[in-house]
C-alpha atoms as a PDB file:
ATOM      1  CA  MET A   1       0.000   0.000   0.000  1.00  0.00           C
ATOM      2  CA  ARG A   2       1.387   3.365  -0.930  1.00  0.00           C
ATOM      3  CA  VAL A   3       1.275   5.832   1.962  1.00  0.00           C
ATOM      4  CA  GLY A   4       1.824   9.343   0.755  1.00  0.00           C
ATOM      5  CA  LEU A   5       0.895  12.968   0.972  1.00  0.00           C
ATOM      6  CA  ILE A   6      -1.614  13.017  -1.861  1.00  0.00           C
ATOM      7  CA  GLY A   7      -4.584  12.930   0.476  1.00  0.00           C
ATOM      8  CA  GLN A   8      -8.088  11.673  -0.151  1.00  0.00           C
ATOM      9  CA  ALA A   9     -11.257  13.453   0.895  1.00  0.00           C
ATOM     10  CA  ARG A  10     -13.390  11.058   2.932  1.00  0.00           C
ATOM     11  CA  ARG A  11     -17.126  10.961   3.528  1.00  0.00           C
ATOM     12  CA  VAL A  12     -18.339  12.723   6.636  1.00  0.00           C
ATOM     13  CA  TRP A  13     -21.758  13.240   8.203  1.00  0.00           C
ATOM     14  CA  ALA A  14     -23.280  16.719   8.015  1.00  0.00           C
ATOM     15  CA  PRO A  15     -26.735  18.275   8.106  1.00  0.00           C
ATOM     16  CA  ARG A  16     -28.509  18.360   4.774  1.00  0.00           C
ATOM     17  CA  GLY A  17     -27.569  21.397   2.711  1.00  0.00           C
ATOM     18  CA  VAL A  18     -24.319  22.094   4.555  1.00  0.00           C
ATOM     19  CA  LYS A  19     -21.246  22.228   2.326  1.00  0.00           C
ATOM     20  CA  ILE A  20     -18.311  20.352   3.803  1.00  0.00           C
ATOM     21  CA  GLU A  21     -14.765  21.449   3.116  1.00  0.00           C
ATOM     22  CA  GLN A  22     -11.853  19.158   3.904  1.00  0.00           C
ATOM     23  CA  ALA A  23      -8.227  20.182   3.823  1.00  0.00           C
ATOM     24  CA  VAL A  24      -6.182  17.741   1.748  1.00  0.00           C
ATOM     25  CA  GLU A  25      -2.407  17.559   1.340  1.00  0.00           C
ATOM     26  CA  TYR A  26      -0.970  17.316  -2.128  1.00  0.00           C
ATOM     27  CA  ALA A  27       2.728  16.514  -2.267  1.00  0.00           C
ATOM     28  CA  TYR A  28       4.567  13.843  -4.235  1.00  0.00           C
ATOM     29  CA  GLU A  29       6.128  11.990  -1.303  1.00  0.00           C
ATOM     30  CA  TRP A  30       5.401   8.431  -0.276  1.00  0.00           C
ATOM     31  CA  VAL A  31       6.630   5.173   1.213  1.00  0.00           C
ATOM     32  CA  TYR A  32       5.253   1.685   0.771  1.00  0.00           C
ATOM     33  CA  LEU A  33       3.676  -0.488   3.436  1.00  0.00           C
ATOM     34  CA  ASN A  34       4.308  -4.196   2.890  1.00  0.00           C
ATOM     35  CA  LEU A  35       1.950  -6.287   4.969  1.00  0.00           C
ATOM     36  CA  THR A  36       1.128  -9.932   5.470  1.00  0.00           C
ATOM     37  CA  VAL A  37      -1.942 -11.085   7.338  1.00  0.00           C
ATOM     38  CA  ASN A  38      -2.979 -14.437   8.769  1.00  0.00           C
ATOM     39  CA  GLY A  39      -6.763 -14.277   8.916  1.00  0.00           C
ATOM     40  CA  LEU A  40      -6.960 -17.611  10.713  1.00  0.00           C
ATOM     41  CA  GLU A  41      -4.855 -16.516  13.690  1.00  0.00           C
ATOM     42  CA  GLY A  42      -5.497 -12.771  13.496  1.00  0.00           C
ATOM     43  CA  ARG A  43      -1.823 -11.922  13.053  1.00  0.00           C
ATOM     44  CA  ILE A  44      -0.295  -9.160  10.950  1.00  0.00           C
ATOM     45  CA  ILE A  45       3.353  -8.465  10.139  1.00  0.00           C
ATOM     46  CA  TRP A  46       4.520  -5.400   8.250  1.00  0.00           C
ATOM     47  CA  ASP A  47       7.540  -3.473   7.082  1.00  0.00           C
ATOM     48  CA  TRP A  48       8.237  -0.350   5.046  1.00  0.00           C
ATOM     49  CA  THR A  49      10.117   0.086   1.765  1.00  0.00           C
ATOM     50  CA  GLU A  50      11.025   3.127  -0.311  1.00  0.00           C
ATOM     51  CA  ASN A  51       9.785   1.536  -3.546  1.00  0.00           C
ATOM     52  CA  MET A  52       7.948  -1.515  -4.871  1.00  0.00           C
ATOM     53  CA  LYS A  53      10.868  -3.075  -6.704  1.00  0.00           C
ATOM     54  CA  ALA A  54      11.611  -6.750  -6.151  1.00  0.00           C
ATOM     55  CA  ALA A  55      15.089  -5.927  -4.821  1.00  0.00           C
ATOM     56  CA  SER A  56      13.466  -3.914  -2.009  1.00  0.00           C
ATOM     57  CA  ILE A  57      10.599  -6.274  -1.203  1.00  0.00           C
ATOM     58  CA  ALA A  58      12.512  -9.595  -1.288  1.00  0.00           C
ATOM     59  CA  PRO A  59      14.498  -8.867   1.934  1.00  0.00           C
ATOM     60  CA  VAL A  60      11.218  -8.019   3.682  1.00  0.00           C
ATOM     61  CA  VAL A  61       9.717 -11.342   2.594  1.00  0.00           C
ATOM     62  CA  ARG A  62      12.864 -13.175   3.769  1.00  0.00           C
ATOM     63  CA  SER A  63      12.459 -11.592   7.216  1.00  0.00           C
ATOM     64  CA  TRP A  64       8.807 -12.667   7.249  1.00  0.00           C
ATOM     65  CA  ALA A  65       9.907 -16.234   6.483  1.00  0.00           C
ATOM     66  CA  GLU A  66      12.127 -16.075   9.570  1.00  0.00           C
ATOM     67  CA  GLN A  67       9.036 -15.026  11.545  1.00  0.00           C
ATOM     68  CA  GLY A  68       7.074 -18.076  10.375  1.00  0.00           C
ATOM     69  CA  VAL A  69       5.306 -16.859   7.229  1.00  0.00           C
ATOM     70  CA  GLU A  70       5.012 -19.776   4.800  1.00  0.00           C
ATOM     71  CA  ILE A  71       2.595 -18.544   2.104  1.00  0.00           C
ATOM     72  CA  LEU A  72       1.802 -15.146   0.549  1.00  0.00           C
ATOM     73  CA  VAL A  73      -1.146 -14.175  -1.638  1.00  0.00           C
ATOM     74  CA  TRP A  74       0.044 -11.646  -4.209  1.00  0.00           C
ATOM     75  CA  ASP A  75      -1.112  -9.836  -7.275  1.00  0.00           C
ATOM     76  CA  ARG A  76       1.070  -9.933 -10.346  1.00  0.00           C
ATOM     77  CA  ALA A  77       2.701  -6.549  -9.876  1.00  0.00           C
ATOM     78  CA  PRO A  78       6.206  -6.284 -11.349  1.00  0.00           C
ATOM     79  CA  GLY A  79       7.680  -5.890  -7.860  1.00  0.00           C
ATOM     80  CA  HIS A  80       6.213  -9.238  -6.843  1.00  0.00           C
ATOM     81  CA  ARG A  81       8.120 -11.314  -9.377  1.00  0.00           C
ATOM     82  CA  GLY A  82      11.624 -11.791 -10.628  1.00  0.00           C
ATOM     83  CA  ALA A  83      15.006 -13.252  -9.812  1.00  0.00           C
ATOM     84  CA  ALA A  84      15.132 -11.534  -6.401  1.00  0.00           C
ATOM     85  CA  TYR A  85      12.613 -14.102  -5.112  1.00  0.00           C
ATOM     86  CA  GLU A  86      14.443 -17.251  -6.225  1.00  0.00           C
ATOM     87  CA  GLU A  87      16.078 -17.714  -2.811  1.00  0.00           C
ATOM     88  CA  VAL A  88      13.002 -16.679  -0.788  1.00  0.00           C
ATOM     89  CA  PRO A  89      11.604 -19.684   1.127  1.00  0.00           C
ATOM     90  CA  VAL A  90       7.975 -18.474   1.030  1.00  0.00           C
ATOM     91  CA  LYS A  91       5.388 -19.978  -1.326  1.00  0.00           C
ATOM     92  CA  ARG A  92       3.506 -17.434  -3.397  1.00  0.00           C
ATOM     93  CA  ILE A  93      -0.081 -17.705  -4.559  1.00  0.00           C
ATOM     94  CA  GLU A  94      -0.680 -15.326  -7.455  1.00  0.00           C
ATOM     95  CA  GLN A  95      -4.134 -13.851  -7.838  1.00  0.00           C
ATOM     96  CA  PRO A  96      -5.813 -13.288 -11.177  1.00  0.00           C
ATOM     97  CA  PRO A  97      -5.388  -9.795 -12.645  1.00  0.00           C
ATOM     98  CA  TYR A  98      -7.630  -7.020 -11.284  1.00  0.00           C
ATOM     99  CA  SER A  99      -8.914  -8.991  -8.296  1.00  0.00           C
ATOM    100  CA  PRO A 100      -7.718  -7.282  -5.100  1.00  0.00           C
ATOM    101  CA  GLN A 101     -10.779  -8.606  -3.258  1.00  0.00           C
ATOM    102  CA  LEU A 102      -9.103 -12.031  -3.230  1.00  0.00           C
ATOM    103  CA  ASN A 103      -6.156 -10.798  -1.154  1.00  0.00           C
ATOM    104  CA  PRO A 104      -6.804 -10.699   2.618  1.00  0.00           C
ATOM    105  CA  ALA A 105      -4.245  -7.883   3.024  1.00  0.00           C
ATOM    106  CA  GLU A 106      -6.425  -5.581   0.917  1.00  0.00           C
ATOM    107  CA  ARG A 107      -9.065  -5.653   3.665  1.00  0.00           C
ATOM    108  CA  ILE A 108      -6.458  -4.393   6.135  1.00  0.00           C
ATOM    109  CA  PHE A 109      -5.390  -1.678   3.680  1.00  0.00           C
ATOM    110  CA  GLU A 110      -9.016  -0.568   3.334  1.00  0.00           C
ATOM    111  CA  TYR A 111      -9.358  -0.445   7.123  1.00  0.00           C
ATOM    112  CA  LEU A 112      -6.185   1.651   7.400  1.00  0.00           C
ATOM    113  CA  ARG A 113      -7.308   4.083   4.709  1.00  0.00           C
ATOM    114  CA  GLU A 114     -10.577   4.651   6.571  1.00  0.00           C
ATOM    115  CA  ARG A 115      -8.603   5.552   9.688  1.00  0.00           C
ATOM    116  CA  ILE A 116      -5.841   7.736   8.242  1.00  0.00           C
ATOM    117  CA  GLU A 117      -7.201   9.561   5.199  1.00  0.00           C
ATOM    118  CA  GLY A 118      -9.057  12.857   5.338  1.00  0.00           C
ATOM    119  CA  ARG A 119      -6.518  14.597   7.602  1.00  0.00           C
ATOM    120  CA  VAL A 120      -3.549  16.858   7.013  1.00  0.00           C
ATOM    121  CA  TYR A 121      -0.393  15.437   8.595  1.00  0.00           C
ATOM    122  CA  GLY A 122       2.151  18.072   7.653  1.00  0.00           C
ATOM    123  CA  GLY A 123       4.768  15.570   6.559  1.00  0.00           C
ATOM    124  CA  LEU A 124       5.344  12.011   5.456  1.00  0.00           C
ATOM    125  CA  ALA A 125       6.903  10.960   8.779  1.00  0.00           C
ATOM    126  CA  ALA A 126       3.776  12.084  10.660  1.00  0.00           C
ATOM    127  CA  LYS A 127       1.473  10.158   8.327  1.00  0.00           C
ATOM    128  CA  GLN A 128       3.673   7.068   8.525  1.00  0.00           C
ATOM    129  CA  ALA A 129       3.578   7.338  12.336  1.00  0.00           C
ATOM    130  CA  ALA A 130      -0.237   7.485  12.193  1.00  0.00           C
ATOM    131  CA  VAL A 131      -0.315   4.318  10.070  1.00  0.00           C
ATOM    132  CA  GLU A 132       2.175   2.660  12.429  1.00  0.00           C
ATOM    133  CA  ALA A 133      -0.055   3.508  15.426  1.00  0.00           C
ATOM    134  CA  GLU A 134      -3.120   2.024  13.693  1.00  0.00           C
ATOM    135  CA  LEU A 135      -1.141  -1.108  12.803  1.00  0.00           C
ATOM    136  CA  GLN A 136      -0.017  -1.487  16.433  1.00  0.00           C
ATOM    137  CA  ARG A 137      -3.647  -1.200  17.608  1.00  0.00           C
ATOM    138  CA  LEU A 138      -4.734  -3.724  15.015  1.00  0.00           C
ATOM    139  CA  ALA A 139      -1.914  -6.152  15.881  1.00  0.00           C
ATOM    140  CA  ALA A 140      -3.005  -6.008  19.533  1.00  0.00           C
ATOM    141  CA  ASP A 141      -6.552  -7.051  18.546  1.00  0.00           C
ATOM    142  CA  PRO A 142      -6.409 -10.455  16.782  1.00  0.00           C
ATOM    143  CA  GLU A 143     -10.199 -10.747  16.777  1.00  0.00           C
ATOM    144  CA  ARG A 144     -10.468  -7.559  14.728  1.00  0.00           C
ATOM    145  CA  VAL A 145      -7.890  -8.876  12.264  1.00  0.00           C
ATOM    146  CA  LYS A 146      -9.845 -12.134  11.977  1.00  0.00           C
ATOM    147  CA  SER A 147     -13.067 -10.236  11.306  1.00  0.00           C
ATOM    148  CA  LEU A 148     -11.377  -8.183   8.575  1.00  0.00           C
ATOM    149  CA  ALA A 149      -9.297 -10.851   6.844  1.00  0.00           C
ATOM    150  CA  GLY A 150     -10.576 -14.210   8.066  1.00  0.00           C
ATOM    151  CA  TRP A 151     -13.665 -14.553   5.930  1.00  0.00           C
ATOM    152  CA  ASP A 152     -15.090 -18.059   5.616  1.00  0.00           C
ATOM    153  CA  TRP A 153     -14.065 -18.499   1.979  1.00  0.00           C
ATOM    154  CA  ILE A 154     -10.533 -17.320   2.769  1.00  0.00           C
ATOM    155  CA  ARG A 155     -10.329 -19.639   5.762  1.00  0.00           C
ATOM    156  CA  GLU A 156     -11.667 -22.615   3.765  1.00  0.00           C
ATOM    157  CA  SER A 157      -9.236 -21.915   0.903  1.00  0.00           C
ATOM    158  CA  LEU A 158      -6.227 -21.744   3.233  1.00  0.00           C
ATOM    159  CA  GLU A 159      -7.240 -24.869   5.118  1.00  0.00           C
ATOM    160  CA  ALA A 160      -7.565 -26.755   1.812  1.00  0.00           C
ATOM    161  CA  LEU A 161      -3.972 -26.013   0.764  1.00  0.00           C
ATOM    162  CA  PRO A 162      -1.635 -29.014   0.818  1.00  0.00           C
ATOM    163  CA  SER A 163       0.936 -28.993   3.617  1.00  0.00           C
END
């Protein structure tokens, strides 16, 4: 997930007929949140990279393997394939094109966007800290993670995978 300073106006409640104005940042600065989620156990692990190139993401995935991650569900983005992953001991399940709803991590990204967008942070470090705080809260609440990413069809699909 790209976390940057090109903000998004979010929906807010207001009396009928009242015009709402939201301040939105607009600067070309960002970092990337790499996240893996286990919807069965309610566990999330994340790390940050400066870009989405395979050379940057592969070391993150290696560290996740050391933390017990065995399988990743990924789209077919260029940064998710290539020679950098040959030595990575994590199995990858590639989703069909244009189907983010199949990736459990996308539900966490949606949750994070609801919590962080619609505010002016003043800088990338402040916005990244806000995301980090939300991730910490989410990591401390496995039941919430399960409700977001542990849908029945996801759970059944993961349980059906060969060992």
